[in-house]
Amino acid sequence: MEWIILSSILLSVCLFGLSFLAGDKQKERNDEVEQMSLQVMGDIYQVKQRLRILEEELLSASAPSVRRHSKEELVSEAYQLYQQNMSIEDIAAAMELKPDEVQQLLSGMRDEEGRL
């Protein structure tokens, strides 16, 4: 009977000691998970910042130039430049338009007045 009590006390002391070791491993795992989650949150923040910067650059680069002129003014300006013997490409560069747009403006002038 004494052996049983003594062995159970010894077993309880061993298990008590092991519980401290297991608790430390659990704490280490929790610390690792917390550290990884903080690192992931930091990475996500950096990615969001970079994405915001790229979006701003994309919006500023792709924003069309503000056209303050009416269509009639654009047609008139294109026609005046055309009368100065400028090519379609030169007119497009001067007016910050695409060559196709200049061609449409000039063809609209031709249809309206029959001059070109």
PDB file of N, CA and C in Angstrom:
ATOM      1  N   MET A   1       0.801  -1.172   0.000  1.00  0.00           N
ATOM      2  CA  MET A   1       0.000   0.000   0.000  1.00  0.00           C
ATOM      3  C   MET A   1       0.864   1.264   0.000  1.00  0.00           C
ATOM      4  N   GLU A   2       1.918   1.202   0.753  1.00  0.00           N
ATOM      5  CA  GLU A   2       2.824   2.339   0.800  1.00  0.00           C
ATOM      6  C   GLU A   2       3.448   2.597  -0.560  1.00  0.00           C
ATOM      7  N   TRP A   3       3.741   1.525  -1.253  1.00  0.00           N
ATOM      8  CA  TRP A   3       4.344   1.661  -2.587  1.00  0.00           C
ATOM      9  C   TRP A   3       3.372   2.344  -3.547  1.00  0.00           C
ATOM     10  N   ILE A   4       2.141   2.046  -3.437  1.00  0.00           N
ATOM     11  CA  ILE A   4       1.148   2.645  -4.328  1.00  0.00           C
ATOM     12  C   ILE A   4       1.039   4.148  -4.043  1.00  0.00           C
ATOM     13  N   ILE A   5       0.977   4.511  -2.788  1.00  0.00           N
ATOM     14  CA  ILE A   5       0.886   5.925  -2.430  1.00  0.00           C
ATOM     15  C   ILE A   5       2.156   6.650  -2.849  1.00  0.00           C
ATOM     16  N   LEU A   6       3.296   6.042  -2.573  1.00  0.00           N
ATOM     17  CA  LEU A   6       4.573   6.647  -2.930  1.00  0.00           C
ATOM     18  C   LEU A   6       4.714   6.781  -4.440  1.00  0.00           C
ATOM     19  N   SER A   7       4.315   5.767  -5.192  1.00  0.00           N
ATOM     20  CA  SER A   7       4.412   5.837  -6.657  1.00  0.00           C
ATOM     21  C   SER A   7       3.430   6.873  -7.224  1.00  0.00           C
ATOM     22  N   SER A   8       2.243   6.982  -6.632  1.00  0.00           N
ATOM     23  CA  SER A   8       1.290   7.984  -7.119  1.00  0.00           C
ATOM     24  C   SER A   8       1.781   9.399  -6.814  1.00  0.00           C
ATOM     25  N   ILE A   9       2.408   9.613  -5.664  1.00  0.00           N
ATOM     26  CA  ILE A   9       2.983  10.923  -5.347  1.00  0.00           C
ATOM     27  C   ILE A   9       4.112  11.235  -6.312  1.00  0.00           C
ATOM     28  N   LEU A  10       4.976  10.254  -6.565  1.00  0.00           N
ATOM     29  CA  LEU A  10       6.086  10.439  -7.499  1.00  0.00           C
ATOM     30  C   LEU A  10       5.561  10.726  -8.907  1.00  0.00           C
ATOM     31  N   LEU A  11       4.536  10.008  -9.310  1.00  0.00           N
ATOM     32  CA  LEU A  11       3.930  10.233 -10.623  1.00  0.00           C
ATOM     33  C   LEU A  11       3.321  11.633 -10.699  1.00  0.00           C
ATOM     34  N   SER A  12       2.667  12.079  -9.642  1.00  0.00           N
ATOM     35  CA  SER A  12       2.067  13.415  -9.646  1.00  0.00           C
ATOM     36  C   SER A  12       3.137  14.498  -9.711  1.00  0.00           C
ATOM     37  N   VAL A  13       4.268  14.305  -9.042  1.00  0.00           N
ATOM     38  CA  VAL A  13       5.361  15.273  -9.100  1.00  0.00           C
ATOM     39  C   VAL A  13       5.930  15.323 -10.515  1.00  0.00           C
ATOM     40  N   CYS A  14       6.102  14.175 -11.145  1.00  0.00           N
ATOM     41  CA  CYS A  14       6.614  14.134 -12.532  1.00  0.00           C
ATOM     42  C   CYS A  14       5.644  14.817 -13.488  1.00  0.00           C
ATOM     43  N   LEU A  15       4.370  14.530 -13.335  1.00  0.00           N
ATOM     44  CA  LEU A  15       3.379  15.158 -14.206  1.00  0.00           C
ATOM     45  C   LEU A  15       3.301  16.662 -13.953  1.00  0.00           C
ATOM     46  N   PHE A  16       3.459  17.058 -12.709  1.00  0.00           N
ATOM     47  CA  PHE A  16       3.457  18.478 -12.373  1.00  0.00           C
ATOM     48  C   PHE A  16       4.648  19.174 -13.039  1.00  0.00           C
ATOM     49  N   GLY A  17       5.808  18.548 -13.011  1.00  0.00           N
ATOM     50  CA  GLY A  17       6.994  19.103 -13.677  1.00  0.00           C
ATOM     51  C   GLY A  17       6.816  19.157 -15.185  1.00  0.00           C
ATOM     52  N   LEU A  18       6.232  18.120 -15.762  1.00  0.00           N
ATOM     53  CA  LEU A  18       5.983  18.095 -17.205  1.00  0.00           C
ATOM     54  C   LEU A  18       4.967  19.163 -17.615  1.00  0.00           C
ATOM     55  N   SER A  19       4.033  19.467 -16.737  1.00  0.00           N
ATOM     56  CA  SER A  19       3.037  20.484 -17.076  1.00  0.00           C
ATOM     57  C   SER A  19       3.690  21.855 -17.244  1.00  0.00           C
ATOM     58  N   PHE A  20       4.732  22.135 -16.462  1.00  0.00           N
ATOM     59  CA  PHE A  20       5.453  23.397 -16.639  1.00  0.00           C
ATOM     60  C   PHE A  20       6.176  23.430 -17.972  1.00  0.00           C
ATOM     61  N   LEU A  21       6.773  22.303 -18.356  1.00  0.00           N
ATOM     62  CA  LEU A  21       7.465  22.251 -19.644  1.00  0.00           C
ATOM     63  C   LEU A  21       6.475  22.375 -20.794  1.00  0.00           C
ATOM     64  N   ALA A  22       5.355  21.704 -20.688  1.00  0.00           N
ATOM     65  CA  ALA A  22       4.347  21.780 -21.743  1.00  0.00           C
ATOM     66  C   ALA A  22       3.755  23.183 -21.807  1.00  0.00           C
ATOM     67  N   GLY A  23       3.579  23.814 -20.663  1.00  0.00           N
ATOM     68  CA  GLY A  23       3.063  25.179 -20.629  1.00  0.00           C
ATOM     69  C   GLY A  23       4.017  26.135 -21.306  1.00  0.00           C
ATOM     70  N   ASP A  24       5.317  25.938 -21.141  1.00  0.00           N
ATOM     71  CA  ASP A  24       6.304  26.783 -21.789  1.00  0.00           C
ATOM     72  C   ASP A  24       6.249  26.611 -23.305  1.00  0.00           C
ATOM     73  N   LYS A  25       6.070  25.383 -23.758  1.00  0.00           N
ATOM     74  CA  LYS A  25       5.978  25.154 -25.204  1.00  0.00           C
ATOM     75  C   LYS A  25       4.734  25.827 -25.768  1.00  0.00           C
ATOM     76  N   GLN A  26       3.643  25.734 -25.029  1.00  0.00           N
ATOM     77  CA  GLN A  26       2.411  26.384 -25.474  1.00  0.00           C
ATOM     78  C   GLN A  26       2.595  27.896 -25.511  1.00  0.00           C
ATOM     79  N   LYS A  27       3.268  28.433 -24.510  1.00  0.00           N
ATOM     80  CA  LYS A  27       3.509  29.871 -24.488  1.00  0.00           C
ATOM     81  C   LYS A  27       4.407  30.275 -25.651  1.00  0.00           C
ATOM     82  N   GLU A  28       5.415  29.462 -25.951  1.00  0.00           N
ATOM     83  CA  GLU A  28       6.295  29.748 -27.088  1.00  0.00           C
ATOM     84  C   GLU A  28       5.502  29.739 -28.389  1.00  0.00           C
ATOM     85  N   ARG A  29       4.616  28.774 -28.526  1.00  0.00           N
ATOM     86  CA  ARG A  29       3.788  28.704 -29.740  1.00  0.00           C
ATOM     87  C   ARG A  29       2.872  29.923 -29.840  1.00  0.00           C
ATOM     88  N   ASN A  30       2.286  30.307 -28.731  1.00  0.00           N
ATOM     89  CA  ASN A  30       1.428  31.497 -28.740  1.00  0.00           C
ATOM     90  C   ASN A  30       2.226  32.740 -29.105  1.00  0.00           C
ATOM     91  N   ASP A  31       3.431  32.850 -28.563  1.00  0.00           N
ATOM     92  CA  ASP A  31       4.285  33.991 -28.899  1.00  0.00           C
ATOM     93  C   ASP A  31       4.650  33.993 -30.381  1.00  0.00           C
ATOM     94  N   GLU A  32       4.956  32.804 -30.915  1.00  0.00           N
ATOM     95  CA  GLU A  32       5.289  32.707 -32.341  1.00  0.00           C
ATOM     96  C   GLU A  32       4.095  33.107 -33.206  1.00  0.00           C
ATOM     97  N   VAL A  33       2.914  32.630 -32.838  1.00  0.00           N
ATOM     98  CA  VAL A  33       1.709  32.968 -33.607  1.00  0.00           C
ATOM     99  C   VAL A  33       1.447  34.467 -33.531  1.00  0.00           C
ATOM    100  N   GLU A  34       1.608  35.036 -32.350  1.00  0.00           N
ATOM    101  CA  GLU A  34       1.397  36.474 -32.198  1.00  0.00           C
ATOM    102  C   GLU A  34       2.411  37.263 -33.022  1.00  0.00           C
ATOM    103  N   GLN A  35       3.665  36.824 -32.997  1.00  0.00           N
ATOM    104  CA  GLN A  35       4.709  37.502 -33.770  1.00  0.00           C
ATOM    105  C   GLN A  35       4.416  37.407 -35.272  1.00  0.00           C
ATOM    106  N   MET A  36       3.988  36.230 -35.713  1.00  0.00           N
ATOM    107  CA  MET A  36       3.671  36.059 -37.131  1.00  0.00           C
ATOM    108  C   MET A  36       2.472  36.911 -37.528  1.00  0.00           C
ATOM    109  N   SER A  37       1.465  36.996 -36.660  1.00  0.00           N
ATOM    110  CA  SER A  37       0.294  37.804 -37.005  1.00  0.00           C
ATOM    111  C   SER A  37       0.664  39.283 -37.074  1.00  0.00           C
ATOM    112  N   LEU A  38       1.537  39.739 -36.178  1.00  0.00           N
ATOM    113  CA  LEU A  38       1.998  41.129 -36.249  1.00  0.00           C
ATOM    114  C   LEU A  38       2.792  41.374 -37.526  1.00  0.00           C
ATOM    115  N   GLN A  39       3.611  40.402 -37.900  1.00  0.00           N
ATOM    116  CA  GLN A  39       4.398  40.544 -39.127  1.00  0.00           C
ATOM    117  C   GLN A  39       3.479  40.584 -40.350  1.00  0.00           C
ATOM    118  N   VAL A  40       2.467  39.734 -40.366  1.00  0.00           N
ATOM    119  CA  VAL A  40       1.521  39.712 -41.488  1.00  0.00           C
ATOM    120  C   VAL A  40       0.751  41.027 -41.552  1.00  0.00           C
ATOM    121  N   MET A  41       0.347  41.545 -40.399  1.00  0.00           N
ATOM    122  CA  MET A  41      -0.362  42.828 -40.383  1.00  0.00           C
ATOM    123  C   MET A  41       0.527  43.945 -40.914  1.00  0.00           C
ATOM    124  N   GLY A  42       1.818  43.917 -40.546  1.00  0.00           N
ATOM    125  CA  GLY A  42       2.752  44.913 -41.063  1.00  0.00           C
ATOM    126  C   GLY A  42       2.923  44.789 -42.564  1.00  0.00           C
ATOM    127  N   ASP A  43       3.019  43.544 -43.053  1.00  0.00           N
ATOM    128  CA  ASP A  43       3.155  43.324 -44.492  1.00  0.00           C
ATOM    129  C   ASP A  43       1.914  43.804 -45.238  1.00  0.00           C
ATOM    130  N   ILE A  44       0.747  43.522 -44.681  1.00  0.00           N
ATOM    131  CA  ILE A  44      -0.496  43.965 -45.315  1.00  0.00           C
ATOM    132  C   ILE A  44      -0.546  45.487 -45.368  1.00  0.00           C
ATOM    133  N   TYR A  45      -0.128  46.136 -44.301  1.00  0.00           N
ATOM    134  CA  TYR A  45      -0.101  47.599 -44.273  1.00  0.00           C
ATOM    135  C   TYR A  45       0.824  48.142 -45.357  1.00  0.00           C
ATOM    136  N   GLN A  46       2.014  47.535 -45.485  1.00  0.00           N
ATOM    137  CA  GLN A  46       2.959  47.988 -46.511  1.00  0.00           C
ATOM    138  C   GLN A  46       2.391  47.775 -47.908  1.00  0.00           C
ATOM    139  N   VAL A  47       1.746  46.642 -48.133  1.00  0.00           N
ATOM    140  CA  VAL A  47       1.165  46.363 -49.448  1.00  0.00           C
ATOM    141  C   VAL A  47       0.056  47.367 -49.753  1.00  0.00           C
ATOM    142  N   LYS A  48      -0.761  47.685 -48.759  1.00  0.00           N
ATOM    143  CA  LYS A  48      -1.828  48.669 -48.971  1.00  0.00           C
ATOM    144  C   LYS A  48      -1.249  50.038 -49.296  1.00  0.00           C
ATOM    145  N   GLN A  49      -0.168  50.416 -48.613  1.00  0.00           N
ATOM    146  CA  GLN A  49       0.462  51.704 -48.895  1.00  0.00           C
ATOM    147  C   GLN A  49       1.001  51.727 -50.321  1.00  0.00           C
ATOM    148  N   ARG A  50       1.674  50.655 -50.720  1.00  0.00           N
ATOM    149  CA  ARG A  50       2.219  50.593 -52.082  1.00  0.00           C
ATOM    150  C   ARG A  50       1.104  50.611 -53.112  1.00  0.00           C
ATOM    151  N   LEU A  51       0.024  49.900 -52.824  1.00  0.00           N
ATOM    152  CA  LEU A  51      -1.115  49.871 -53.741  1.00  0.00           C
ATOM    153  C   LEU A  51      -1.732  51.258 -53.871  1.00  0.00           C
ATOM    154  N   ARG A  52      -1.847  51.982 -52.759  1.00  0.00           N
ATOM    155  CA  ARG A  52      -2.399  53.331 -52.795  1.00  0.00           C
ATOM    156  C   ARG A  52      -1.517  54.244 -53.639  1.00  0.00           C
ATOM    157  N   ILE A  53      -0.199  54.121 -53.480  1.00  0.00           N
ATOM    158  CA  ILE A  53       0.728  54.943 -54.262  1.00  0.00           C
ATOM    159  C   ILE A  53       0.614  54.603 -55.743  1.00  0.00           C
ATOM    160  N   LEU A  54       0.552  53.304 -56.062  1.00  0.00           N
ATOM    161  CA  LEU A  54       0.421  52.898 -57.462  1.00  0.00           C
ATOM    162  C   LEU A  54      -0.896  53.383 -58.060  1.00  0.00           C
ATOM    163  N   GLU A  55      -1.972  53.319 -57.280  1.00  0.00           N
ATOM    164  CA  GLU A  55      -3.254  53.809 -57.783  1.00  0.00           C
ATOM    165  C   GLU A  55      -3.189  55.300 -58.071  1.00  0.00           C
ATOM    166  N   GLU A  56      -2.546  56.049 -57.177  1.00  0.00           N
ATOM    167  CA  GLU A  56      -2.417  57.487 -57.406  1.00  0.00           C
ATOM    168  C   GLU A  56      -1.596  57.764 -58.654  1.00  0.00           C
ATOM    169  N   GLU A  57      -0.500  57.014 -58.835  1.00  0.00           N
ATOM    170  CA  GLU A  57       0.323  57.204 -60.028  1.00  0.00           C
ATOM    171  C   GLU A  57      -0.454  56.842 -61.280  1.00  0.00           C
ATOM    172  N   LEU A  58      -1.204  55.753 -61.206  1.00  0.00           N
ATOM    173  CA  LEU A  58      -1.980  55.315 -62.361  1.00  0.00           C
ATOM    174  C   LEU A  58      -3.058  56.333 -62.703  1.00  0.00           C
ATOM    175  N   LEU A  59      -3.728  56.844 -61.689  1.00  0.00           N
ATOM    176  CA  LEU A  59      -4.773  57.832 -61.944  1.00  0.00           C
ATOM    177  C   LEU A  59      -4.199  59.120 -62.498  1.00  0.00           C
ATOM    178  N   SER A  60      -3.052  59.536 -61.987  1.00  0.00           N
ATOM    179  CA  SER A  60      -2.470  60.782 -62.487  1.00  0.00           C
ATOM    180  C   SER A  60      -1.892  60.591 -63.884  1.00  0.00           C
ATOM    181  N   ALA A  61      -1.377  59.392 -64.185  1.00  0.00           N
ATOM    182  CA  ALA A  61      -0.796  59.144 -65.504  1.00  0.00           C
ATOM    183  C   ALA A  61      -1.870  58.935 -66.562  1.00  0.00           C
ATOM    184  N   SER A  62      -2.979  58.311 -66.170  1.00  0.00           N
ATOM    185  CA  SER A  62      -4.000  58.005 -67.165  1.00  0.00           C
ATOM    186  C   SER A  62      -5.094  59.059 -67.238  1.00  0.00           C
ATOM    187  N   ALA A  63      -5.042  60.052 -66.386  1.00  0.00           N
ATOM    188  CA  ALA A  63      -6.076  61.087 -66.430  1.00  0.00           C
ATOM    189  C   ALA A  63      -5.947  61.867 -67.725  1.00  0.00           C
ATOM    190  N   PRO A  64      -7.001  61.898 -68.506  1.00  0.00           N
ATOM    191  CA  PRO A  64      -6.916  62.652 -69.762  1.00  0.00           C
ATOM    192  C   PRO A  64      -6.772  64.135 -69.469  1.00  0.00           C
ATOM    193  N   SER A  65      -6.124  64.796 -70.397  1.00  0.00           N
ATOM    194  CA  SER A  65      -5.963  66.236 -70.210  1.00  0.00           C
ATOM    195  C   SER A  65      -7.340  66.884 -70.232  1.00  0.00           C
ATOM    196  N   VAL A  66      -7.498  67.845 -69.396  1.00  0.00           N
ATOM    197  CA  VAL A  66      -8.791  68.512 -69.276  1.00  0.00           C
ATOM    198  C   VAL A  66      -9.018  69.338 -70.523  1.00  0.00           C
ATOM    199  N   ARG A  67     -10.109  69.048 -71.176  1.00  0.00           N
ATOM    200  CA  ARG A  67     -10.431  69.780 -72.399  1.00  0.00           C
ATOM    201  C   ARG A  67     -11.374  70.903 -72.029  1.00  0.00           C
ATOM    202  N   ARG A  68     -10.876  72.108 -72.145  1.00  0.00           N
ATOM    203  CA  ARG A  68     -11.655  73.271 -71.749  1.00  0.00           C
ATOM    204  C   ARG A  68     -12.397  73.870 -72.935  1.00  0.00           C
ATOM    205  N   HIS A  69     -12.187  73.288 -74.097  1.00  0.00           N
ATOM    206  CA  HIS A  69     -12.773  73.859 -75.300  1.00  0.00           C
ATOM    207  C   HIS A  69     -14.012  73.076 -75.692  1.00  0.00           C
ATOM    208  N   SER A  70     -14.918  73.763 -76.321  1.00  0.00           N
ATOM    209  CA  SER A  70     -16.073  73.086 -76.872  1.00  0.00           C
ATOM    210  C   SER A  70     -15.649  72.410 -78.176  1.00  0.00           C
ATOM    211  N   LYS A  71     -16.521  71.608 -78.715  1.00  0.00           N
ATOM    212  CA  LYS A  71     -16.198  70.904 -79.949  1.00  0.00           C
ATOM    213  C   LYS A  71     -15.966  71.887 -81.088  1.00  0.00           C
ATOM    214  N   GLU A  72     -16.748  72.935 -81.124  1.00  0.00           N
ATOM    215  CA  GLU A  72     -16.585  73.925 -82.193  1.00  0.00           C
ATOM    216  C   GLU A  72     -15.217  74.597 -82.110  1.00  0.00           C
ATOM    217  N   GLU A  73     -14.776  74.889 -80.899  1.00  0.00           N
ATOM    218  CA  GLU A  73     -13.456  75.504 -80.737  1.00  0.00           C
ATOM    219  C   GLU A  73     -12.350  74.545 -81.161  1.00  0.00           C
ATOM    220  N   LEU A  74     -12.524  73.264 -80.836  1.00  0.00           N
ATOM    221  CA  LEU A  74     -11.524  72.272 -81.238  1.00  0.00           C
ATOM    222  C   LEU A  74     -11.472  72.143 -82.757  1.00  0.00           C
ATOM    223  N   VAL A  75     -12.643  72.121 -83.386  1.00  0.00           N
ATOM    224  CA  VAL A  75     -12.690  72.024 -84.846  1.00  0.00           C
ATOM    225  C   VAL A  75     -12.027  73.242 -85.462  1.00  0.00           C
ATOM    226  N   SER A  76     -12.329  74.407 -84.927  1.00  0.00           N
ATOM    227  CA  SER A  76     -11.754  75.639 -85.459  1.00  0.00           C
ATOM    228  C   SER A  76     -10.236  75.647 -85.306  1.00  0.00           C
ATOM    229  N   GLU A  77      -9.763  75.242 -84.133  1.00  0.00           N
ATOM    230  CA  GLU A  77      -8.318  75.221 -83.906  1.00  0.00           C
ATOM    231  C   GLU A  77      -7.632  74.210 -84.820  1.00  0.00           C
ATOM    232  N   ALA A  78      -8.242  73.029 -84.975  1.00  0.00           N
ATOM    233  CA  ALA A  78      -7.660  72.013 -85.853  1.00  0.00           C
ATOM    234  C   ALA A  78      -7.624  72.512 -87.294  1.00  0.00           C
ATOM    235  N   TYR A  79      -8.685  73.188 -87.716  1.00  0.00           N
ATOM    236  CA  TYR A  79      -8.736  73.699 -89.084  1.00  0.00           C
ATOM    237  C   TYR A  79      -7.684  74.787 -89.303  1.00  0.00           C
ATOM    238  N   GLN A  80      -7.501  75.660 -88.320  1.00  0.00           N
ATOM    239  CA  GLN A  80      -6.485  76.710 -88.445  1.00  0.00           C
ATOM    240  C   GLN A  80      -5.090  76.100 -88.560  1.00  0.00           C
ATOM    241  N   LEU A  81      -4.822  75.091 -87.765  1.00  0.00           N
ATOM    242  CA  LEU A  81      -3.511  74.439 -87.847  1.00  0.00           C
ATOM    243  C   LEU A  81      -3.355  73.700 -89.175  1.00  0.00           C
ATOM    244  N   TYR A  82      -4.461  73.129 -89.669  1.00  0.00           N
ATOM    245  CA  TYR A  82      -4.415  72.437 -90.949  1.00  0.00           C
ATOM    246  C   TYR A  82      -4.139  73.432 -92.078  1.00  0.00           C
ATOM    247  N   GLN A  83      -4.697  74.633 -91.973  1.00  0.00           N
ATOM    248  CA  GLN A  83      -4.453  75.657 -92.988  1.00  0.00           C
ATOM    249  C   GLN A  83      -3.002  76.122 -92.982  1.00  0.00           C
ATOM    250  N   GLN A  84      -2.324  75.938 -91.876  1.00  0.00           N
ATOM    251  CA  GLN A  84      -0.911  76.293 -91.790  1.00  0.00           C
ATOM    252  C   GLN A  84      -0.020  75.159 -92.303  1.00  0.00           C
ATOM    253  N   ASN A  85      -0.628  74.218 -93.023  1.00  0.00           N
ATOM    254  CA  ASN A  85       0.061  73.080 -93.635  1.00  0.00           C
ATOM    255  C   ASN A  85       0.737  72.164 -92.610  1.00  0.00           C
ATOM    256  N   MET A  86       0.114  72.014 -91.462  1.00  0.00           N
ATOM    257  CA  MET A  86       0.626  71.072 -90.463  1.00  0.00           C
ATOM    258  C   MET A  86       0.030  69.703 -90.738  1.00  0.00           C
ATOM    259  N   SER A  87       0.797  68.663 -90.466  1.00  0.00           N
ATOM    260  CA  SER A  87       0.292  67.300 -90.669  1.00  0.00           C
ATOM    261  C   SER A  87      -0.672  66.936 -89.544  1.00  0.00           C
ATOM    262  N   ILE A  88      -1.413  65.868 -89.772  1.00  0.00           N
ATOM    263  CA  ILE A  88      -2.382  65.410 -88.776  1.00  0.00           C
ATOM    264  C   ILE A  88      -1.669  65.082 -87.465  1.00  0.00           C
ATOM    265  N   GLU A  89      -0.507  64.438 -87.558  1.00  0.00           N
ATOM    266  CA  GLU A  89       0.248  64.066 -86.364  1.00  0.00           C
ATOM    267  C   GLU A  89       0.733  65.303 -85.608  1.00  0.00           C
ATOM    268  N   ASP A  90       1.175  66.328 -86.355  1.00  0.00           N
ATOM    269  CA  ASP A  90       1.633  67.559 -85.708  1.00  0.00           C
ATOM    270  C   ASP A  90       0.474  68.285 -85.029  1.00  0.00           C
ATOM    271  N   ILE A  91      -0.670  68.288 -85.695  1.00  0.00           N
ATOM    272  CA  ILE A  91      -1.854  68.920 -85.102  1.00  0.00           C
ATOM    273  C   ILE A  91      -2.255  68.168 -83.833  1.00  0.00           C
ATOM    274  N   ALA A  92      -2.211  66.834 -83.906  1.00  0.00           N
ATOM    275  CA  ALA A  92      -2.567  66.019 -82.740  1.00  0.00           C
ATOM    276  C   ALA A  92      -1.630  66.304 -81.577  1.00  0.00           C
ATOM    277  N   ALA A  93      -0.339  66.427 -81.866  1.00  0.00           N
ATOM    278  CA  ALA A  93       0.621  66.722 -80.802  1.00  0.00           C
ATOM    279  C   ALA A  93       0.394  68.117 -80.233  1.00  0.00           C
ATOM    280  N   ALA A  94       0.112  69.082 -81.086  1.00  0.00           N
ATOM    281  CA  ALA A  94      -0.089  70.455 -80.629  1.00  0.00           C
ATOM    282  C   ALA A  94      -1.356  70.585 -79.786  1.00  0.00           C
ATOM    283  N   MET A  95      -2.381  69.848 -80.147  1.00  0.00           N
ATOM    284  CA  MET A  95      -3.656  69.946 -79.435  1.00  0.00           C
ATOM    285  C   MET A  95      -3.797  68.897 -78.335  1.00  0.00           C
ATOM    286  N   GLU A  96      -2.785  68.052 -78.173  1.00  0.00           N
ATOM    287  CA  GLU A  96      -2.802  66.965 -77.199  1.00  0.00           C
ATOM    288  C   GLU A  96      -3.989  66.036 -77.432  1.00  0.00           C
ATOM    289  N   LEU A  97      -4.176  65.665 -78.679  1.00  0.00           N
ATOM    290  CA  LEU A  97      -5.220  64.734 -79.077  1.00  0.00           C
ATOM    291  C   LEU A  97      -4.582  63.568 -79.807  1.00  0.00           C
ATOM    292  N   LYS A  98      -5.385  62.567 -80.085  1.00  0.00           N
ATOM    293  CA  LYS A  98      -4.929  61.447 -80.903  1.00  0.00           C
ATOM    294  C   LYS A  98      -5.127  61.824 -82.363  1.00  0.00           C
ATOM    295  N   PRO A  99      -4.284  61.280 -83.257  1.00  0.00           N
ATOM    296  CA  PRO A  99      -4.451  61.584 -84.682  1.00  0.00           C
ATOM    297  C   PRO A  99      -5.847  61.237 -85.205  1.00  0.00           C
ATOM    298  N   ASP A 100      -6.438  60.158 -84.694  1.00  0.00           N
ATOM    299  CA  ASP A 100      -7.789  59.793 -85.126  1.00  0.00           C
ATOM    300  C   ASP A 100      -8.800  60.868 -84.738  1.00  0.00           C
ATOM    301  N   GLU A 101      -8.622  61.445 -83.560  1.00  0.00           N
ATOM    302  CA  GLU A 101      -9.540  62.494 -83.121  1.00  0.00           C
ATOM    303  C   GLU A 101      -9.402  63.738 -83.997  1.00  0.00           C
ATOM    304  N   VAL A 102      -8.168  64.075 -84.359  1.00  0.00           N
ATOM    305  CA  VAL A 102      -7.950  65.230 -85.237  1.00  0.00           C
ATOM    306  C   VAL A 102      -8.586  64.963 -86.594  1.00  0.00           C
ATOM    307  N   GLN A 103      -8.428  63.743 -87.083  1.00  0.00           N
ATOM    308  CA  GLN A 103      -9.015  63.381 -88.373  1.00  0.00           C
ATOM    309  C   GLN A 103     -10.534  63.522 -88.314  1.00  0.00           C
ATOM    310  N   GLN A 104     -11.141  63.115 -87.203  1.00  0.00           N
ATOM    311  CA  GLN A 104     -12.588  63.253 -87.057  1.00  0.00           C
ATOM    312  C   GLN A 104     -13.002  64.722 -87.012  1.00  0.00           C
ATOM    313  N   LEU A 105     -12.215  65.533 -86.314  1.00  0.00           N
ATOM    314  CA  LEU A 105     -12.536  66.965 -86.262  1.00  0.00           C
ATOM    315  C   LEU A 105     -12.474  67.586 -87.649  1.00  0.00           C
ATOM    316  N   LEU A 106     -11.429  67.249 -88.388  1.00  0.00           N
ATOM    317  CA  LEU A 106     -11.275  67.820 -89.729  1.00  0.00           C
ATOM    318  C   LEU A 106     -12.330  67.283 -90.685  1.00  0.00           C
ATOM    319  N   SER A 107     -12.693  66.015 -90.539  1.00  0.00           N
ATOM    320  CA  SER A 107     -13.737  65.482 -91.423  1.00  0.00           C
ATOM    321  C   SER A 107     -15.082  66.116 -91.081  1.00  0.00           C
ATOM    322  N   GLY A 108     -15.303  66.431 -89.803  1.00  0.00           N
ATOM    323  CA  GLY A 108     -16.523  67.145 -89.416  1.00  0.00           C
ATOM    324  C   GLY A 108     -16.554  68.530 -90.024  1.00  0.00           C
ATOM    325  N   MET A 109     -15.408  69.172 -90.102  1.00  0.00           N
ATOM    326  CA  MET A 109     -15.312  70.502 -90.724  1.00  0.00           C
ATOM    327  C   MET A 109     -15.612  70.387 -92.215  1.00  0.00           C
ATOM    328  N   ARG A 110     -15.119  69.325 -92.829  1.00  0.00           N
ATOM    329  CA  ARG A 110     -15.333  69.122 -94.258  1.00  0.00           C
ATOM    330  C   ARG A 110     -16.818  68.899 -94.530  1.00  0.00           C
ATOM    331  N   ASP A 111     -17.459  68.112 -93.666  1.00  0.00           N
ATOM    332  CA  ASP A 111     -18.880  67.833 -93.860  1.00  0.00           C
ATOM    333  C   ASP A 111     -19.728  69.085 -93.669  1.00  0.00           C
ATOM    334  N   GLU A 112     -19.357  69.904 -92.694  1.00  0.00           N
ATOM    335  CA  GLU A 112     -20.157  71.089 -92.401  1.00  0.00           C
ATOM    336  C   GLU A 112     -19.982  72.176 -93.454  1.00  0.00           C
ATOM    337  N   GLU A 113     -18.725  72.430 -93.830  1.00  0.00           N
ATOM    338  CA  GLU A 113     -18.482  73.571 -94.702  1.00  0.00           C
ATOM    339  C   GLU A 113     -18.029  73.171 -96.097  1.00  0.00           C
ATOM    340  N   GLY A 114     -17.637  71.953 -96.284  1.00  0.00           N
ATOM    341  CA  GLY A 114     -17.195  71.517 -97.598  1.00  0.00           C
ATOM    342  C   GLY A 114     -15.894  72.157 -98.028  1.00  0.00           C
ATOM    343  N   ARG A 115     -15.081  72.611 -97.091  1.00  0.00           N
ATOM    344  CA  ARG A 115     -13.849  73.313 -97.452  1.00  0.00           C
ATOM    345  C   ARG A 115     -12.672  72.365 -97.662  1.00  0.00           C
ATOM    346  N   LEU A 116     -12.598  71.282 -96.954  1.00  0.00           N
ATOM    347  CA  LEU A 116     -11.402  70.434 -97.018  1.00  0.00           C
ATOM    348  C   LEU A 116     -11.459  69.472 -98.166  1.00  0.00           C
TER     349      LEU A 116
END
